[in-house]
Amino acid sequence: MGDAPKKIDKAAELARIDTSVPHPARVWDYWLGGKDNYAPDRAVGDEIVKVMPDLPVNARAEREFIGRAVRHLAGECGIDQFLDVGTGIPTESNTHGVAQAVNPAARIVYVDNDPIVLVHARALLVGTDEGETDYIDADLREPDTILREAKRTLDFSRPIALMLMGVLEFVPDAAQAHASVSTLLDALPSGSYLAIAHSLRSPSMEEAAARWNASGATPLALRTEEELLAFFEGMELVEPGLVSLPKWRPEPETSFTDREVFQYGVVGRKP
């Protein structure tokens, strides 16, 4: 049965929000044309765009990639359970909306540790009557907490799609990132999937990342193609493999297919 918005103390949640420093979800929201951002988010967003004008393009390309990946997983692959870590502020092409449009009985668990994301998620991310959605206040670095809480909603005896959209950048320590992803993947059964969108190294992205890290915001790290593919060791990559986001199974309405976007995507199946 579909879930109703969870009762929360919005004042207490909003009190946790630090508006004095930029936050990834709010800067992304700014680049997407949203309204859930503050002056420091807009300032660093504008500063970064000076050296990487295509970053708003990256943001839009990532939202479109999420939609295509979820449609493929829910449709052709028959996946009806999704664990979306690093949810971000709700916008178009949210995982539950896309998945439940394909299969109304799909179940989705969102994970994020930003209070402003949780305020919006709990208010807006309501599933179908047939399906279910849930929200976990946790960080990717806390895989055991994520798994414990996700088991309230997801059946870990059946395949699950693990979605990591623009979140691995914010676990810059490679060993920690691999440990977190491995812990989550190890808990998923055969036939599960891992989908990642991640910023790729390039001279302009390196400069953009340097300015971001100098802002005092949550530090990030870019990765190479080889470093991204290392998260899929032992998995079967879904065609076309690791590519610039608009080139991953583009649809007629896919934007930016005529240009290189330094946000890359890849989906793999656990054998």
C-alpha atoms as a PDB file:
ATOM      1  CA  MET A   1       0.000   0.000   0.000  1.00  0.00           C
ATOM      2  CA  GLY A   2       1.293   3.524  -0.772  1.00  0.00           C
ATOM      3  CA  ASP A   3       2.682   5.555   2.080  1.00  0.00           C
ATOM      4  CA  ALA A   4       1.524   8.921   3.378  1.00  0.00           C
ATOM      5  CA  PRO A   5       3.946  11.756   4.119  1.00  0.00           C
ATOM      6  CA  LYS A   6       5.697  11.123   7.395  1.00  0.00           C
ATOM      7  CA  LYS A   7       4.982  13.458  10.284  1.00  0.00           C
ATOM      8  CA  ILE A   8       8.067  15.485  11.106  1.00  0.00           C
ATOM      9  CA  ASP A   9       8.915  18.586  13.042  1.00  0.00           C
ATOM     10  CA  LYS A  10       9.705  20.885  10.122  1.00  0.00           C
ATOM     11  CA  ALA A  11      10.959  23.636  12.410  1.00  0.00           C
ATOM     12  CA  ALA A  12      13.468  21.244  13.968  1.00  0.00           C
ATOM     13  CA  GLU A  13      14.554  19.952  10.559  1.00  0.00           C
ATOM     14  CA  LEU A  14      14.952  23.461   9.143  1.00  0.00           C
ATOM     15  CA  ALA A  15      16.948  24.492  12.209  1.00  0.00           C
ATOM     16  CA  ARG A  16      19.577  21.929  11.185  1.00  0.00           C
ATOM     17  CA  ILE A  17      20.119  23.623   7.835  1.00  0.00           C
ATOM     18  CA  ASP A  18      23.368  25.572   7.638  1.00  0.00           C
ATOM     19  CA  THR A  19      22.738  28.270   5.058  1.00  0.00           C
ATOM     20  CA  SER A  20      26.125  29.923   5.602  1.00  0.00           C
ATOM     21  CA  VAL A  21      28.037  27.448   3.423  1.00  0.00           C
ATOM     22  CA  PRO A  22      27.079  26.019   0.008  1.00  0.00           C
ATOM     23  CA  HIS A  23      25.637  22.535  -0.153  1.00  0.00           C
ATOM     24  CA  PRO A  24      25.828  20.204  -3.194  1.00  0.00           C
ATOM     25  CA  ALA A  25      22.084  19.517  -3.388  1.00  0.00           C
ATOM     26  CA  ARG A  26      21.222  23.208  -3.188  1.00  0.00           C
ATOM     27  CA  VAL A  27      23.849  24.275  -5.773  1.00  0.00           C
ATOM     28  CA  TRP A  28      22.537  21.528  -8.086  1.00  0.00           C
ATOM     29  CA  ASP A  29      19.027  22.842  -7.475  1.00  0.00           C
ATOM     30  CA  TYR A  30      20.216  26.341  -8.429  1.00  0.00           C
ATOM     31  CA  TRP A  31      21.747  25.068 -11.690  1.00  0.00           C
ATOM     32  CA  LEU A  32      18.479  23.272 -12.454  1.00  0.00           C
ATOM     33  CA  GLY A  33      16.546  26.514 -12.001  1.00  0.00           C
ATOM     34  CA  GLY A  34      15.026  25.538  -8.644  1.00  0.00           C
ATOM     35  CA  LYS A  35      14.144  27.770  -5.714  1.00  0.00           C
ATOM     36  CA  ASP A  36      15.487  25.729  -2.787  1.00  0.00           C
ATOM     37  CA  ASN A  37      18.875  27.412  -2.539  1.00  0.00           C
ATOM     38  CA  TYR A  38      20.522  30.283  -0.658  1.00  0.00           C
ATOM     39  CA  ALA A  39      22.914  33.113  -1.436  1.00  0.00           C
ATOM     40  CA  PRO A  40      26.096  31.083  -0.673  1.00  0.00           C
ATOM     41  CA  ASP A  41      24.844  28.295  -2.963  1.00  0.00           C
ATOM     42  CA  ARG A  42      24.197  30.751  -5.791  1.00  0.00           C
ATOM     43  CA  ALA A  43      27.508  32.517  -5.242  1.00  0.00           C
ATOM     44  CA  VAL A  44      29.638  29.388  -5.495  1.00  0.00           C
ATOM     45  CA  GLY A  45      27.445  28.116  -8.339  1.00  0.00           C
ATOM     46  CA  ASP A  46      28.122  31.289 -10.318  1.00  0.00           C
ATOM     47  CA  GLU A  47      31.838  31.186  -9.460  1.00  0.00           C
ATOM     48  CA  ILE A  48      32.182  27.614 -10.701  1.00  0.00           C
ATOM     49  CA  VAL A  49      30.257  28.308 -13.910  1.00  0.00           C
ATOM     50  CA  LYS A  50      32.860  30.965 -14.748  1.00  0.00           C
ATOM     51  CA  VAL A  51      35.443  28.219 -15.285  1.00  0.00           C
ATOM     52  CA  MET A  52      33.043  25.439 -16.332  1.00  0.00           C
ATOM     53  CA  PRO A  53      30.087  27.042 -18.152  1.00  0.00           C
ATOM     54  CA  ASP A  54      28.577  23.640 -18.924  1.00  0.00           C
ATOM     55  CA  LEU A  55      27.938  22.627 -15.312  1.00  0.00           C
ATOM     56  CA  PRO A  56      24.222  23.522 -15.522  1.00  0.00           C
ATOM     57  CA  VAL A  57      24.197  21.308 -18.619  1.00  0.00           C
ATOM     58  CA  ASN A  58      25.727  18.517 -16.513  1.00  0.00           C
ATOM     59  CA  ALA A  59      22.969  18.949 -13.956  1.00  0.00           C
ATOM     60  CA  ARG A  60      20.209  18.705 -16.545  1.00  0.00           C
ATOM     61  CA  ALA A  61      21.917  15.785 -18.301  1.00  0.00           C
ATOM     62  CA  GLU A  62      22.091  13.914 -14.998  1.00  0.00           C
ATOM     63  CA  ARG A  63      18.364  14.363 -14.349  1.00  0.00           C
ATOM     64  CA  GLU A  64      17.614  12.991 -17.803  1.00  0.00           C
ATOM     65  CA  PHE A  65      20.020  10.086 -17.272  1.00  0.00           C
ATOM     66  CA  ILE A  66      18.232   9.138 -14.058  1.00  0.00           C
ATOM     67  CA  GLY A  67      14.961   8.939 -15.967  1.00  0.00           C
ATOM     68  CA  ARG A  68      16.387   6.788 -18.766  1.00  0.00           C
ATOM     69  CA  ALA A  69      18.253   4.480 -16.399  1.00  0.00           C
ATOM     70  CA  VAL A  70      15.226   3.935 -14.166  1.00  0.00           C
ATOM     71  CA  ARG A  71      12.927   3.365 -17.155  1.00  0.00           C
ATOM     72  CA  HIS A  72      15.359   0.777 -18.526  1.00  0.00           C
ATOM     73  CA  LEU A  73      15.755  -0.952 -15.169  1.00  0.00           C
ATOM     74  CA  ALA A  74      12.043  -0.961 -14.334  1.00  0.00           C
ATOM     75  CA  GLY A  75      11.026  -1.876 -17.875  1.00  0.00           C
ATOM     76  CA  GLU A  76      13.444  -4.095 -19.788  1.00  0.00           C
ATOM     77  CA  CYS A  77      15.191  -5.410 -16.668  1.00  0.00           C
ATOM     78  CA  GLY A  78      12.037  -5.901 -14.577  1.00  0.00           C
ATOM     79  CA  ILE A  79      13.466  -4.258 -11.449  1.00  0.00           C
ATOM     80  CA  ASP A  80      10.763  -3.150  -9.015  1.00  0.00           C
ATOM     81  CA  GLN A  81      12.967  -2.113  -6.066  1.00  0.00           C
ATOM     82  CA  PHE A  82      15.294   0.899  -5.973  1.00  0.00           C
ATOM     83  CA  LEU A  83      17.732   2.143  -3.318  1.00  0.00           C
ATOM     84  CA  ASP A  84      18.546   5.751  -4.256  1.00  0.00           C
ATOM     85  CA  VAL A  85      21.432   7.117  -2.164  1.00  0.00           C
ATOM     86  CA  GLY A  86      22.054  10.849  -2.428  1.00  0.00           C
ATOM     87  CA  THR A  87      18.510  11.765  -3.385  1.00  0.00           C
ATOM     88  CA  GLY A  88      18.945  15.503  -3.790  1.00  0.00           C
ATOM     89  CA  ILE A  89      16.135  18.038  -3.727  1.00  0.00           C
ATOM     90  CA  PRO A  90      13.049  16.630  -5.479  1.00  0.00           C
ATOM     91  CA  THR A  91      12.601  17.753  -9.078  1.00  0.00           C
ATOM     92  CA  GLU A  92      11.459  16.178 -12.317  1.00  0.00           C
ATOM     93  CA  SER A  93      12.419  12.571 -13.123  1.00  0.00           C
ATOM     94  CA  ASN A  94      12.570  11.467  -9.489  1.00  0.00           C
ATOM     95  CA  THR A  95      13.252   7.745  -9.190  1.00  0.00           C
ATOM     96  CA  HIS A  96       9.893   6.798  -7.699  1.00  0.00           C
ATOM     97  CA  GLY A  97       7.895   8.742 -10.268  1.00  0.00           C
ATOM     98  CA  VAL A  98       9.691   7.146 -13.203  1.00  0.00           C
ATOM     99  CA  ALA A  99       9.733   3.622 -11.741  1.00  0.00           C
ATOM    100  CA  GLN A 100       6.102   3.656 -10.649  1.00  0.00           C
ATOM    101  CA  ALA A 101       4.994   4.992 -14.029  1.00  0.00           C
ATOM    102  CA  VAL A 102       6.402   1.753 -15.450  1.00  0.00           C
ATOM    103  CA  ASN A 103       5.350  -0.468 -12.546  1.00  0.00           C
ATOM    104  CA  PRO A 104       2.951   1.062 -10.002  1.00  0.00           C
ATOM    105  CA  ALA A 105       3.967  -1.598  -7.466  1.00  0.00           C
ATOM    106  CA  ALA A 106       7.630  -0.505  -7.446  1.00  0.00           C
ATOM    107  CA  ARG A 107       9.226   0.236  -4.079  1.00  0.00           C
ATOM    108  CA  ILE A 108      11.776   2.998  -3.618  1.00  0.00           C
ATOM    109  CA  VAL A 109      13.941   3.963  -0.661  1.00  0.00           C
ATOM    110  CA  TYR A 110      15.617   7.363  -0.768  1.00  0.00           C
ATOM    111  CA  VAL A 111      18.692   8.202   1.308  1.00  0.00           C
ATOM    112  CA  ASP A 112      20.100  11.662   2.013  1.00  0.00           C
ATOM    113  CA  ASN A 113      21.647  13.488   4.944  1.00  0.00           C
ATOM    114  CA  ASP A 114      20.707  17.080   4.084  1.00  0.00           C
ATOM    115  CA  PRO A 115      17.782  18.296   6.224  1.00  0.00           C
ATOM    116  CA  ILE A 116      16.402  20.485   3.450  1.00  0.00           C
ATOM    117  CA  VAL A 117      16.287  17.465   1.158  1.00  0.00           C
ATOM    118  CA  LEU A 118      14.501  15.434   3.817  1.00  0.00           C
ATOM    119  CA  VAL A 119      11.937  18.151   4.447  1.00  0.00           C
ATOM    120  CA  HIS A 120      11.025  18.166   0.773  1.00  0.00           C
ATOM    121  CA  ALA A 121      11.322  14.419   0.298  1.00  0.00           C
ATOM    122  CA  ARG A 122       8.968  13.609   3.135  1.00  0.00           C
ATOM    123  CA  ALA A 123       6.453  16.131   1.862  1.00  0.00           C
ATOM    124  CA  LEU A 124       6.642  15.402  -1.864  1.00  0.00           C
ATOM    125  CA  LEU A 125       7.947  11.914  -2.596  1.00  0.00           C
ATOM    126  CA  VAL A 126       4.711   9.999  -2.099  1.00  0.00           C
ATOM    127  CA  GLY A 127       4.341   6.731  -3.950  1.00  0.00           C
ATOM    128  CA  THR A 128       1.421   5.056  -5.672  1.00  0.00           C
ATOM    129  CA  ASP A 129      -1.216   3.122  -3.746  1.00  0.00           C
ATOM    130  CA  GLU A 130       0.269  -0.115  -5.081  1.00  0.00           C
ATOM    131  CA  GLY A 131       3.893   0.765  -4.366  1.00  0.00           C
ATOM    132  CA  GLU A 132       5.800   2.262  -1.477  1.00  0.00           C
ATOM    133  CA  THR A 133       8.447   4.908  -0.807  1.00  0.00           C
ATOM    134  CA  ASP A 134      10.576   5.512   2.257  1.00  0.00           C
ATOM    135  CA  TYR A 135      13.267   7.994   3.316  1.00  0.00           C
ATOM    136  CA  ILE A 136      16.392   7.421   5.363  1.00  0.00           C
ATOM    137  CA  ASP A 137      18.407  10.197   7.005  1.00  0.00           C
ATOM    138  CA  ALA A 138      21.889   8.798   6.435  1.00  0.00           C
ATOM    139  CA  ASP A 139      25.168   9.273   4.595  1.00  0.00           C
ATOM    140  CA  LEU A 140      26.684   6.984   1.950  1.00  0.00           C
ATOM    141  CA  ARG A 141      29.515   6.474   4.445  1.00  0.00           C
ATOM    142  CA  GLU A 142      26.997   4.708   6.716  1.00  0.00           C
ATOM    143  CA  PRO A 143      26.121   1.634   4.625  1.00  0.00           C
ATOM    144  CA  ASP A 144      25.152  -0.508   7.626  1.00  0.00           C
ATOM    145  CA  THR A 145      22.591   2.099   8.714  1.00  0.00           C
ATOM    146  CA  ILE A 146      21.256   2.344   5.151  1.00  0.00           C
ATOM    147  CA  LEU A 147      20.856  -1.423   4.885  1.00  0.00           C
ATOM    148  CA  ARG A 148      19.217  -1.795   8.284  1.00  0.00           C
ATOM    149  CA  GLU A 149      16.666   0.933   7.574  1.00  0.00           C
ATOM    150  CA  ALA A 150      16.067  -0.043   3.934  1.00  0.00           C
ATOM    151  CA  LYS A 151      15.002  -3.544   4.963  1.00  0.00           C
ATOM    152  CA  ARG A 152      11.801  -2.029   6.341  1.00  0.00           C
ATOM    153  CA  THR A 153      10.688  -1.428   2.757  1.00  0.00           C
ATOM    154  CA  LEU A 154      12.804  -3.501   0.372  1.00  0.00           C
ATOM    155  CA  ASP A 155      12.969  -7.284   0.063  1.00  0.00           C
ATOM    156  CA  PHE A 156      16.667  -8.130  -0.063  1.00  0.00           C
ATOM    157  CA  SER A 157      15.946 -11.640  -1.330  1.00  0.00           C
ATOM    158  CA  ARG A 158      14.927 -10.105  -4.687  1.00  0.00           C
ATOM    159  CA  PRO A 159      16.942  -7.879  -7.071  1.00  0.00           C
ATOM    160  CA  ILE A 160      17.382  -4.200  -6.176  1.00  0.00           C
ATOM    161  CA  ALA A 161      18.828  -1.328  -8.198  1.00  0.00           C
ATOM    162  CA  LEU A 162      21.347   0.756  -6.243  1.00  0.00           C
ATOM    163  CA  MET A 163      21.355   4.329  -7.599  1.00  0.00           C
ATOM    164  CA  LEU A 164      24.363   6.573  -6.876  1.00  0.00           C
ATOM    165  CA  MET A 165      23.655   9.730  -8.855  1.00  0.00           C
ATOM    166  CA  GLY A 166      26.260  12.441  -8.305  1.00  0.00           C
ATOM    167  CA  VAL A 167      27.019  11.334  -4.758  1.00  0.00           C
ATOM    168  CA  LEU A 168      30.279   9.351  -4.982  1.00  0.00           C
ATOM    169  CA  GLU A 169      32.165  12.575  -5.748  1.00  0.00           C
ATOM    170  CA  PHE A 170      31.515  13.577  -2.145  1.00  0.00           C
ATOM    171  CA  VAL A 171      33.322  10.543  -0.753  1.00  0.00           C
ATOM    172  CA  PRO A 172      36.783  11.616  -1.912  1.00  0.00           C
ATOM    173  CA  ASP A 173      38.675   8.897  -0.053  1.00  0.00           C
ATOM    174  CA  ALA A 174      38.868   6.010  -2.532  1.00  0.00           C
ATOM    175  CA  ALA A 175      39.117   3.286   0.110  1.00  0.00           C
ATOM    176  CA  GLN A 176      36.097   4.610   1.978  1.00  0.00           C
ATOM    177  CA  ALA A 177      34.070   4.981  -1.227  1.00  0.00           C
ATOM    178  CA  HIS A 178      34.834   1.425  -2.299  1.00  0.00           C
ATOM    179  CA  ALA A 179      34.115   0.048   1.172  1.00  0.00           C
ATOM    180  CA  SER A 180      30.708   1.752   1.269  1.00  0.00           C
ATOM    181  CA  VAL A 181      29.692   0.649  -2.213  1.00  0.00           C
ATOM    182  CA  SER A 182      30.972  -2.893  -1.637  1.00  0.00           C
ATOM    183  CA  THR A 183      29.026  -3.210   1.620  1.00  0.00           C
ATOM    184  CA  LEU A 184      25.820  -2.155  -0.127  1.00  0.00           C
ATOM    185  CA  LEU A 185      26.416  -4.376  -3.169  1.00  0.00           C
ATOM    186  CA  ASP A 186      27.340  -7.399  -1.061  1.00  0.00           C
ATOM    187  CA  ALA A 187      23.900  -7.195   0.566  1.00  0.00           C
ATOM    188  CA  LEU A 188      22.108  -7.278  -2.796  1.00  0.00           C
ATOM    189  CA  PRO A 189      21.202 -10.584  -4.457  1.00  0.00           C
ATOM    190  CA  SER A 190      22.173 -11.796  -7.915  1.00  0.00           C
ATOM    191  CA  GLY A 191      20.348  -9.902 -10.636  1.00  0.00           C
ATOM    192  CA  SER A 192      20.654  -6.566  -8.836  1.00  0.00           C
ATOM    193  CA  TYR A 193      22.047  -3.474 -10.552  1.00  0.00           C
ATOM    194  CA  LEU A 194      24.368  -0.587  -9.759  1.00  0.00           C
ATOM    195  CA  ALA A 195      23.908   2.747 -11.570  1.00  0.00           C
ATOM    196  CA  ILE A 196      26.418   5.581 -11.142  1.00  0.00           C
ATOM    197  CA  ALA A 197      26.592   9.132 -12.483  1.00  0.00           C
ATOM    198  CA  HIS A 198      29.882  10.838 -11.676  1.00  0.00           C
ATOM    199  CA  SER A 199      31.945  13.848 -12.754  1.00  0.00           C
ATOM    200  CA  LEU A 200      34.905  12.871 -14.917  1.00  0.00           C
ATOM    201  CA  ARG A 201      38.329  14.473 -14.764  1.00  0.00           C
ATOM    202  CA  SER A 202      39.051  17.199 -17.333  1.00  0.00           C
ATOM    203  CA  PRO A 203      41.041  20.449 -17.084  1.00  0.00           C
ATOM    204  CA  SER A 204      37.911  22.601 -16.688  1.00  0.00           C
ATOM    205  CA  MET A 205      36.324  20.168 -14.225  1.00  0.00           C
ATOM    206  CA  GLU A 206      39.549  20.149 -12.194  1.00  0.00           C
ATOM    207  CA  GLU A 207      39.405  23.950 -11.924  1.00  0.00           C
ATOM    208  CA  ALA A 208      35.696  23.836 -11.062  1.00  0.00           C
ATOM    209  CA  ALA A 209      36.359  21.232  -8.351  1.00  0.00           C
ATOM    210  CA  ALA A 210      39.203  23.335  -6.935  1.00  0.00           C
ATOM    211  CA  ARG A 211      36.910  26.355  -6.616  1.00  0.00           C
ATOM    212  CA  TRP A 212      34.213  24.215  -5.036  1.00  0.00           C
ATOM    213  CA  ASN A 213      36.611  22.786  -2.463  1.00  0.00           C
ATOM    214  CA  ALA A 214      37.960  26.270  -1.688  1.00  0.00           C
ATOM    215  CA  SER A 215      34.425  27.461  -0.848  1.00  0.00           C
ATOM    216  CA  GLY A 216      34.275  25.502   2.412  1.00  0.00           C
ATOM    217  CA  ALA A 217      31.524  23.232   1.094  1.00  0.00           C
ATOM    218  CA  THR A 218      31.543  19.449   1.395  1.00  0.00           C
ATOM    219  CA  PRO A 219      34.789  18.456  -0.384  1.00  0.00           C
ATOM    220  CA  LEU A 220      34.613  16.467  -3.585  1.00  0.00           C
ATOM    221  CA  ALA A 221      36.949  14.450  -5.772  1.00  0.00           C
ATOM    222  CA  LEU A 222      36.813  13.772  -9.495  1.00  0.00           C
ATOM    223  CA  ARG A 223      37.668  10.332 -10.878  1.00  0.00           C
ATOM    224  CA  THR A 224      38.981   8.862 -14.111  1.00  0.00           C
ATOM    225  CA  GLU A 225      37.146   6.356 -16.300  1.00  0.00           C
ATOM    226  CA  GLU A 226      39.292   3.559 -14.861  1.00  0.00           C
ATOM    227  CA  GLU A 227      38.547   4.651 -11.295  1.00  0.00           C
ATOM    228  CA  LEU A 228      34.802   4.675 -11.974  1.00  0.00           C
ATOM    229  CA  LEU A 229      34.830   1.271 -13.633  1.00  0.00           C
ATOM    230  CA  ALA A 230      36.631  -0.154 -10.599  1.00  0.00           C
ATOM    231  CA  PHE A 231      33.323   0.083  -8.687  1.00  0.00           C
ATOM    232  CA  PHE A 232      31.891  -2.431 -11.189  1.00  0.00           C
ATOM    233  CA  GLU A 233      34.539  -5.118 -10.821  1.00  0.00           C
ATOM    234  CA  GLY A 234      32.947  -8.511 -11.374  1.00  0.00           C
ATOM    235  CA  MET A 235      29.735  -7.010 -12.745  1.00  0.00           C
ATOM    236  CA  GLU A 236      28.245  -7.180 -16.244  1.00  0.00           C
ATOM    237  CA  LEU A 237      28.055  -3.699 -17.777  1.00  0.00           C
ATOM    238  CA  VAL A 238      24.849  -2.724 -19.522  1.00  0.00           C
ATOM    239  CA  GLU A 239      25.451  -1.416 -23.054  1.00  0.00           C
ATOM    240  CA  PRO A 240      26.880   1.068 -23.947  1.00  0.00           C
ATOM    241  CA  GLY A 241      29.051   0.889 -20.806  1.00  0.00           C
ATOM    242  CA  LEU A 242      30.624   4.026 -19.353  1.00  0.00           C
ATOM    243  CA  VAL A 243      29.785   7.042 -21.524  1.00  0.00           C
ATOM    244  CA  SER A 244      28.996  10.739 -21.360  1.00  0.00           C
ATOM    245  CA  LEU A 245      25.475  10.928 -19.891  1.00  0.00           C
ATOM    246  CA  PRO A 246      23.556  11.975 -23.035  1.00  0.00           C
ATOM    247  CA  LYS A 247      25.092   9.042 -24.909  1.00  0.00           C
ATOM    248  CA  TRP A 248      23.697   6.430 -22.492  1.00  0.00           C
ATOM    249  CA  ARG A 249      20.713   4.926 -24.341  1.00  0.00           C
ATOM    250  CA  PRO A 250      19.475   8.282 -25.657  1.00  0.00           C
ATOM    251  CA  GLU A 251      15.792   8.721 -26.412  1.00  0.00           C
ATOM    252  CA  PRO A 252      14.328  11.043 -29.080  1.00  0.00           C
ATOM    253  CA  GLU A 253      13.875  13.839 -26.531  1.00  0.00           C
ATOM    254  CA  THR A 254      17.321  13.439 -24.896  1.00  0.00           C
ATOM    255  CA  SER A 255      19.187  16.763 -24.678  1.00  0.00           C
ATOM    256  CA  PHE A 256      22.868  17.508 -25.402  1.00  0.00           C
ATOM    257  CA  THR A 257      23.546  14.416 -27.547  1.00  0.00           C
ATOM    258  CA  ASP A 258      25.682  16.570 -29.837  1.00  0.00           C
ATOM    259  CA  ARG A 259      28.231  17.552 -27.209  1.00  0.00           C
ATOM    260  CA  GLU A 260      30.634  16.079 -24.669  1.00  0.00           C
ATOM    261  CA  VAL A 261      29.285  16.302 -21.137  1.00  0.00           C
ATOM    262  CA  PHE A 262      31.883  15.586 -18.450  1.00  0.00           C
ATOM    263  CA  GLN A 263      29.324  13.877 -16.268  1.00  0.00           C
ATOM    264  CA  TYR A 264      29.498  10.162 -17.071  1.00  0.00           C
ATOM    265  CA  GLY A 265      27.112   7.317 -16.421  1.00  0.00           C
ATOM    266  CA  VAL A 266      27.324   3.541 -16.232  1.00  0.00           C
ATOM    267  CA  VAL A 267      25.001   0.725 -15.194  1.00  0.00           C
ATOM    268  CA  GLY A 268      26.063  -2.784 -14.271  1.00  0.00           C
ATOM    269  CA  ARG A 269      24.347  -6.051 -13.288  1.00  0.00           C
ATOM    270  CA  LYS A 270      25.465  -8.237 -10.406  1.00  0.00           C
ATOM    271  CA  PRO A 271      25.786 -11.806 -11.740  1.00  0.00           C
END
